[in-house]
Protein backbone atom coordinates (compact mmCIF):
# COMPACT_ATOMS: atom_id res chain seq x y z
CA UNK A 1 -29.02 2.69 38.38
CA UNK A 2 -32.53 2.63 36.84
CA UNK A 3 -35.21 0.89 38.87
CA UNK A 4 -36.20 -2.65 37.95
CA UNK A 5 -39.88 -3.47 37.32
CA UNK A 6 -41.54 -5.85 39.75
CA UNK A 7 -42.40 -8.28 36.95
CA UNK A 8 -38.71 -8.62 36.12
CA UNK A 9 -37.68 -9.25 39.72
CA UNK A 10 -40.51 -11.80 39.98
CA UNK A 11 -39.01 -13.74 37.08
CA UNK A 12 -35.56 -13.60 38.62
CA UNK A 13 -36.79 -14.66 42.06
CA UNK A 14 -38.81 -17.53 40.58
CA UNK A 15 -35.65 -18.95 39.01
CA UNK A 16 -33.29 -18.52 41.95
CA UNK A 17 -31.54 -21.61 43.26
CA UNK A 18 -30.51 -22.20 46.91
CA UNK A 19 -28.09 -19.63 48.33
CA UNK A 20 -29.52 -17.09 45.89
CA UNK A 21 -27.66 -18.58 42.94
CA UNK A 22 -28.92 -17.79 39.43
CA UNK A 23 -27.90 -19.62 36.25
CA UNK A 24 -27.94 -17.21 33.31
CA UNK A 25 -26.94 -16.74 29.73
CA UNK A 26 -27.28 -13.85 27.27
CA UNK A 27 -28.61 -14.56 23.80
CA UNK A 28 -29.55 -12.92 20.53
CA UNK A 29 -31.63 -14.17 17.63
CA UNK A 30 -28.63 -15.17 15.54
CA UNK A 31 -27.58 -17.62 18.27
CA UNK A 32 -31.04 -19.04 18.93
CA UNK A 33 -30.09 -22.62 17.98
CA UNK A 34 -27.17 -22.63 20.42
CA UNK A 35 -29.44 -21.10 23.05
CA UNK A 36 -31.89 -23.99 22.76
CA UNK A 37 -29.03 -26.49 22.84
CA UNK A 38 -27.83 -24.72 26.02
CA UNK A 39 -31.31 -25.07 27.52
CA UNK A 40 -31.78 -28.69 26.50
CA UNK A 41 -28.38 -29.76 27.80
CA UNK A 42 -29.03 -27.90 31.08
CA UNK A 43 -32.41 -29.61 31.49
CA UNK A 44 -30.75 -32.99 30.95
CA UNK A 45 -28.68 -32.28 34.08
CA UNK A 46 -31.95 -31.79 36.02
CA UNK A 47 -31.71 -28.00 36.16
CA UNK A 48 -35.00 -26.31 35.28
CA UNK A 49 -34.48 -22.84 36.76
CA UNK A 50 -32.47 -20.32 34.77
CA UNK A 51 -32.77 -16.94 33.06
CA UNK A 52 -32.01 -16.10 29.43
CA UNK A 53 -31.41 -12.39 28.94
CA UNK A 54 -32.41 -11.51 25.37
CA UNK A 55 -30.55 -8.94 23.33
CA UNK A 56 -33.43 -8.37 20.92
CA UNK A 57 -37.20 -8.61 20.72
CA UNK A 58 -37.04 -11.38 18.12
CA UNK A 59 -35.10 -13.66 20.47
CA UNK A 60 -37.50 -12.89 23.28
CA UNK A 61 -40.48 -13.73 21.09
CA UNK A 62 -38.79 -16.94 19.97
CA UNK A 63 -38.41 -18.11 23.56
CA UNK A 64 -41.99 -17.10 24.30
CA UNK A 65 -43.31 -19.23 21.42
CA UNK A 66 -41.12 -22.13 22.57
CA UNK A 67 -42.61 -21.99 26.07
CA UNK A 68 -39.74 -20.29 27.88
CA UNK A 69 -41.36 -16.94 28.58
CA UNK A 70 -41.00 -17.45 32.40
CA UNK A 71 -37.24 -17.86 31.92
CA UNK A 72 -36.64 -15.03 29.42
CA UNK A 73 -36.08 -11.33 30.01
CA UNK A 74 -35.64 -8.75 27.28
CA UNK A 75 -32.73 -6.45 28.07
CA UNK A 76 -34.03 -2.89 27.84
CA UNK A 77 -32.02 0.25 27.11
CA UNK A 78 -32.34 1.61 30.68
CA UNK A 79 -30.41 -1.45 31.88
CA UNK A 80 -27.60 -0.46 29.54
CA UNK A 81 -27.53 3.21 30.48
CA UNK A 82 -23.96 4.47 30.45
CA UNK A 83 -22.64 2.05 27.84
CA UNK A 84 -21.65 3.06 24.30
CA UNK A 85 -24.51 3.54 21.86
CA UNK A 86 -23.52 0.43 19.90
CA UNK A 87 -24.54 -1.70 22.89
CA UNK A 88 -28.07 -0.34 22.99
CA UNK A 89 -30.87 -2.68 22.02
CA UNK A 90 -31.55 -2.80 18.31
CA UNK A 91 -28.23 -1.21 17.33
CA UNK A 92 -26.45 -4.39 16.31
CA UNK A 93 -24.85 -5.06 19.68
CA UNK A 94 -23.51 -8.53 20.41
CA UNK A 95 -24.32 -10.32 23.66
CA UNK A 96 -20.64 -10.19 24.63
CA UNK A 97 -20.88 -6.38 24.70
CA UNK A 98 -23.24 -6.34 27.68
CA UNK A 99 -22.62 -9.42 29.81
CA UNK A 100 -20.51 -7.64 32.47
CA UNK A 101 -23.09 -4.89 32.82
CA UNK A 102 -26.01 -7.34 33.19
CA UNK A 103 -24.11 -9.47 35.69
CA UNK A 104 -23.12 -6.39 37.68
CA UNK A 105 -26.79 -5.44 37.97
CA UNK A 106 -27.58 -8.90 39.31
CA UNK A 107 -24.80 -8.66 41.91
CA UNK A 108 -26.53 -5.59 43.32
CA UNK A 109 -29.59 -7.81 43.92
CA UNK A 110 -27.36 -9.93 46.22
CA UNK A 111 -27.34 -12.77 43.69
CA UNK A 112 -24.50 -15.21 43.05
CA UNK A 113 -24.34 -15.48 39.26
CA UNK A 114 -23.44 -18.65 37.39
CA UNK A 115 -22.85 -17.40 33.86
CA UNK A 116 -22.41 -19.70 30.86
CA UNK A 117 -22.27 -18.57 27.24
CA UNK A 118 -24.92 -19.97 24.93
CA UNK A 119 -22.34 -22.24 23.27
CA UNK A 120 -21.79 -24.08 26.53
CA UNK A 121 -22.98 -27.67 26.68
CA UNK A 122 -23.95 -28.90 30.17
CA UNK A 123 -23.03 -32.55 30.73
CA UNK A 124 -23.19 -33.53 34.40
CA UNK A 125 -25.87 -33.21 37.07
CA UNK A 126 -25.12 -31.14 40.18
CA UNK A 127 -22.68 -28.85 38.39
CA UNK A 128 -24.14 -25.86 40.22
CA UNK A 129 -23.75 -27.59 43.62
CA UNK A 130 -20.18 -28.55 42.75
CA UNK A 131 -19.27 -24.94 42.00
CA UNK A 132 -21.10 -23.63 45.08
CA UNK A 133 -19.10 -26.05 47.21
CA UNK A 134 -15.86 -24.46 46.02
CA UNK A 135 -17.19 -21.06 47.03
CA UNK A 136 -18.46 -22.32 50.39
CA UNK A 137 -15.26 -24.04 51.49
CA UNK A 138 -13.12 -20.94 50.91
CA UNK A 139 -14.85 -17.70 51.75
CA UNK A 140 -11.90 -15.74 50.37
CA UNK A 141 -12.83 -16.95 46.87
CA UNK A 142 -15.18 -14.44 45.23
CA UNK A 143 -15.25 -15.89 41.71
CA UNK A 144 -14.19 -19.03 39.86
CA UNK A 145 -13.46 -18.90 36.12
CA UNK A 146 -12.91 -21.54 33.51
CA UNK A 147 -9.35 -21.74 32.25
CA UNK A 148 -8.75 -20.56 28.71
CA UNK A 149 -5.51 -22.52 28.28
CA UNK A 150 -3.92 -25.57 29.82
CA UNK A 151 -1.04 -23.51 31.23
CA UNK A 152 -3.52 -21.42 33.33
CA UNK A 153 -2.14 -18.12 32.03
CA UNK A 154 -5.54 -16.89 30.89
CA UNK A 155 -9.03 -17.15 32.33
CA UNK A 156 -12.10 -17.70 30.19
CA UNK A 157 -14.75 -15.05 30.82
CA UNK A 158 -17.45 -17.12 29.12
CA UNK A 159 -18.04 -19.49 32.04
CA UNK A 160 -17.78 -18.52 35.71
CA UNK A 161 -19.54 -18.26 39.04
CA UNK A 162 -19.32 -14.98 40.99
CA UNK A 163 -20.37 -13.88 44.46
CA UNK A 164 -22.10 -10.50 44.99
CA UNK A 165 -19.16 -8.94 46.81
CA UNK A 166 -17.92 -5.36 46.63
CA UNK A 167 -14.70 -6.56 45.03
CA UNK A 168 -16.58 -8.28 42.21
CA UNK A 169 -18.83 -5.27 41.67
CA UNK A 170 -15.68 -3.16 41.30
CA UNK A 171 -14.18 -5.72 38.93
CA UNK A 172 -17.20 -5.53 36.62
CA UNK A 173 -17.32 -1.75 36.93
CA UNK A 174 -13.68 -1.71 35.79
CA UNK A 175 -14.62 -3.91 32.82
CA UNK A 176 -17.42 -1.54 31.83
CA UNK A 177 -15.07 1.45 32.17
CA UNK A 178 -12.40 -0.25 30.04
CA UNK A 179 -15.03 -1.11 27.44
CA UNK A 180 -16.25 2.49 27.30
CA UNK A 181 -12.70 3.80 26.83
CA UNK A 182 -11.25 1.03 24.71
CA UNK A 183 -8.83 1.99 21.97
CA UNK A 184 -9.80 -0.70 19.50
CA UNK A 185 -13.46 -0.57 18.51
CA UNK A 186 -13.44 -4.26 17.65
CA UNK A 187 -12.53 -5.27 21.19
CA UNK A 188 -15.39 -7.01 22.94
CA UNK A 189 -16.72 -6.57 26.44
CA UNK A 190 -15.27 -9.96 27.31
CA UNK A 191 -11.83 -8.73 26.33
CA UNK A 192 -12.42 -5.73 28.61
CA UNK A 193 -13.26 -8.11 31.48
CA UNK A 194 -10.10 -10.08 30.74
CA UNK A 195 -8.07 -6.86 31.02
CA UNK A 196 -9.80 -6.00 34.30
CA UNK A 197 -8.96 -9.46 35.64
CA UNK A 198 -5.29 -8.84 34.93
CA UNK A 199 -5.42 -6.07 37.54
CA UNK A 200 -6.48 -8.56 40.22
CA UNK A 201 -3.84 -10.29 42.38
CA UNK A 202 -3.67 -13.92 41.25
CA UNK A 203 -1.41 -15.45 43.92
CA UNK A 204 -3.33 -18.52 45.09
CA UNK A 205 -2.56 -17.73 48.74
CA UNK A 206 -4.67 -14.58 48.83
CA UNK A 207 -6.37 -14.17 45.47
CA UNK A 208 -10.12 -13.61 45.31
CA UNK A 209 -10.13 -15.33 41.91
CA UNK A 210 -9.79 -19.06 41.36
CA UNK A 211 -9.91 -21.28 38.28
CA UNK A 212 -11.49 -24.56 37.22
CA UNK A 213 -9.40 -27.43 35.96
CA UNK A 214 -9.54 -28.12 32.23
CA UNK A 215 -10.29 -31.81 32.77
CA UNK A 216 -13.69 -31.25 34.34
CA UNK A 217 -14.44 -27.90 32.69
CA UNK A 218 -12.76 -28.10 29.27
CA UNK A 219 -12.85 -25.52 26.54
CA UNK A 220 -12.94 -26.45 22.86
CA UNK A 221 -9.17 -26.83 22.61
CA UNK A 222 -8.99 -29.16 25.61
CA UNK A 223 -12.00 -31.26 24.62
CA UNK A 224 -12.04 -31.43 20.82
CA UNK A 225 -8.37 -30.87 19.89
CA UNK A 226 -6.26 -32.25 22.75
CA UNK A 227 -9.01 -34.59 24.03
CA UNK A 228 -7.68 -34.27 27.57
CA UNK A 229 -10.77 -35.53 29.46
CA UNK A 230 -11.28 -38.43 27.06
CA UNK A 231 -7.63 -39.52 27.28
CA UNK A 232 -7.91 -39.86 31.06
CA UNK A 233 -11.44 -41.22 31.29
CA UNK A 234 -12.81 -38.04 32.90
CA UNK A 235 -16.48 -37.11 32.51
CA UNK A 236 -16.59 -33.29 32.26
CA UNK A 237 -19.24 -31.16 33.93
CA UNK A 238 -19.53 -28.90 30.89
CA UNK A 239 -17.88 -28.27 27.53
CA UNK A 240 -17.42 -24.67 26.41
CA UNK A 241 -17.19 -24.48 22.62
CA UNK A 242 -16.41 -20.81 22.01
CA UNK A 243 -13.07 -21.46 20.29
CA UNK A 244 -14.54 -23.63 17.55
CA UNK A 245 -14.88 -22.30 14.01
CA UNK A 246 -18.39 -20.75 13.93
CA UNK A 247 -19.01 -22.22 10.48
CA UNK A 248 -18.18 -25.73 11.71
CA UNK A 249 -19.27 -25.60 15.35
CA UNK A 250 -22.76 -27.05 14.91
CA UNK A 251 -21.55 -30.00 12.85
CA UNK A 252 -18.74 -30.70 15.32
CA UNK A 253 -21.25 -30.80 18.17
CA UNK A 254 -23.42 -33.17 16.15
CA UNK A 255 -20.45 -35.41 15.40
CA UNK A 256 -19.72 -35.63 19.14
CA UNK A 257 -23.38 -36.24 20.12
CA UNK A 258 -23.55 -32.86 21.84
CA UNK A 259 -26.36 -31.40 19.71
CA UNK A 260 -29.72 -32.04 21.37
CA UNK A 261 -32.30 -29.98 19.47
CA UNK A 262 -34.48 -30.69 16.47
CA UNK A 263 -33.53 -28.32 13.66
CA UNK A 264 -36.98 -28.63 12.07
CA UNK A 265 -38.65 -27.61 15.33
CA UNK A 266 -36.47 -24.51 15.52
CA UNK A 267 -37.44 -23.54 11.98
CA UNK A 268 -41.10 -24.00 12.89
CA UNK A 269 -40.68 -21.53 15.77
CA UNK A 270 -38.90 -19.18 13.35
CA UNK A 271 -42.04 -19.11 11.20
CA UNK A 272 -44.30 -18.50 14.19
CA UNK A 273 -42.16 -15.61 15.37
CA UNK A 274 -42.06 -14.04 11.94
CA UNK A 275 -45.83 -14.20 11.68
CA UNK A 276 -46.30 -12.70 15.13
CA UNK A 277 -43.91 -9.83 14.41
CA UNK A 278 -45.68 -9.06 11.14
CA UNK A 279 -49.09 -8.92 12.84
CA UNK A 280 -50.38 -5.55 14.15
CA UNK A 281 -50.45 -6.85 17.73
CA UNK A 282 -47.84 -5.21 19.94
CA UNK A 283 -45.89 -7.76 22.00
CA UNK A 284 -44.55 -6.29 25.19
CA UNK A 285 -42.64 -8.06 27.91
CA UNK A 286 -44.65 -7.27 31.08
CA UNK A 287 -41.36 -7.23 32.96
CA UNK A 288 -40.43 -4.11 30.98
CA UNK A 289 -43.83 -2.46 30.57
CA UNK A 290 -43.14 0.38 32.99
CA UNK A 291 -39.36 0.61 32.67
CA UNK A 292 -39.23 2.98 29.74
CA UNK A 293 -41.41 5.55 31.53
């Protein structure tokens, strides 16, 4: 694997939580509003250390102008070496195309990764400690995933916590391999990870993979459609909204008081970023300054 610049590792180390746990997401410019909602909701749970891996320079600059430069890292092409060309920076790749590869890199730094998609809304303090407790009380558990359905048949690869074990490194390597050799070009990296998970033994007596209950960690179906937590008076730790209609998602979050950012402020940052990118000044992430050499 390509070496990692010291400035990048400094950012990662500065945002590590106890037991070398790192909260991360992966974002692109098109999802900037959801990224800021992710950040704001996380901060409301008293978490201030996290890393946002940026898929494009414009997203990285946006975070820099908003004051989140210490928490943002631009994903460079060397980090994605070995993946299909469509996943390379600037080639129209989606964040879901690279999440397994980025997380795998972090596992090799002996980091436990708490990954949440940008359309996750954090609701309860001490969510990270709650998840770490599940890992600590059963050492045989290497990763815990959100459930995708109430019947527990499928796991959701958009929210999970994962230890840096050899088994999990192999799992993510399998996902990358499946992605590279996928038959359907439209299949995402997350679908590749889902396929890789199907190869893991899931018997609760000896499985390395566990799942989170849909009451405390609901997806969009459980929270907005079936209203399972609300019907039983349960306060969830998070709500993952990936199954909502993209054209209606923002308004649904607003209707449920889950939208925390000022739209006008985001547009103001848009203008600042556009002006900075049009200026002759070259903006370089110091964490990547020496990586392309």
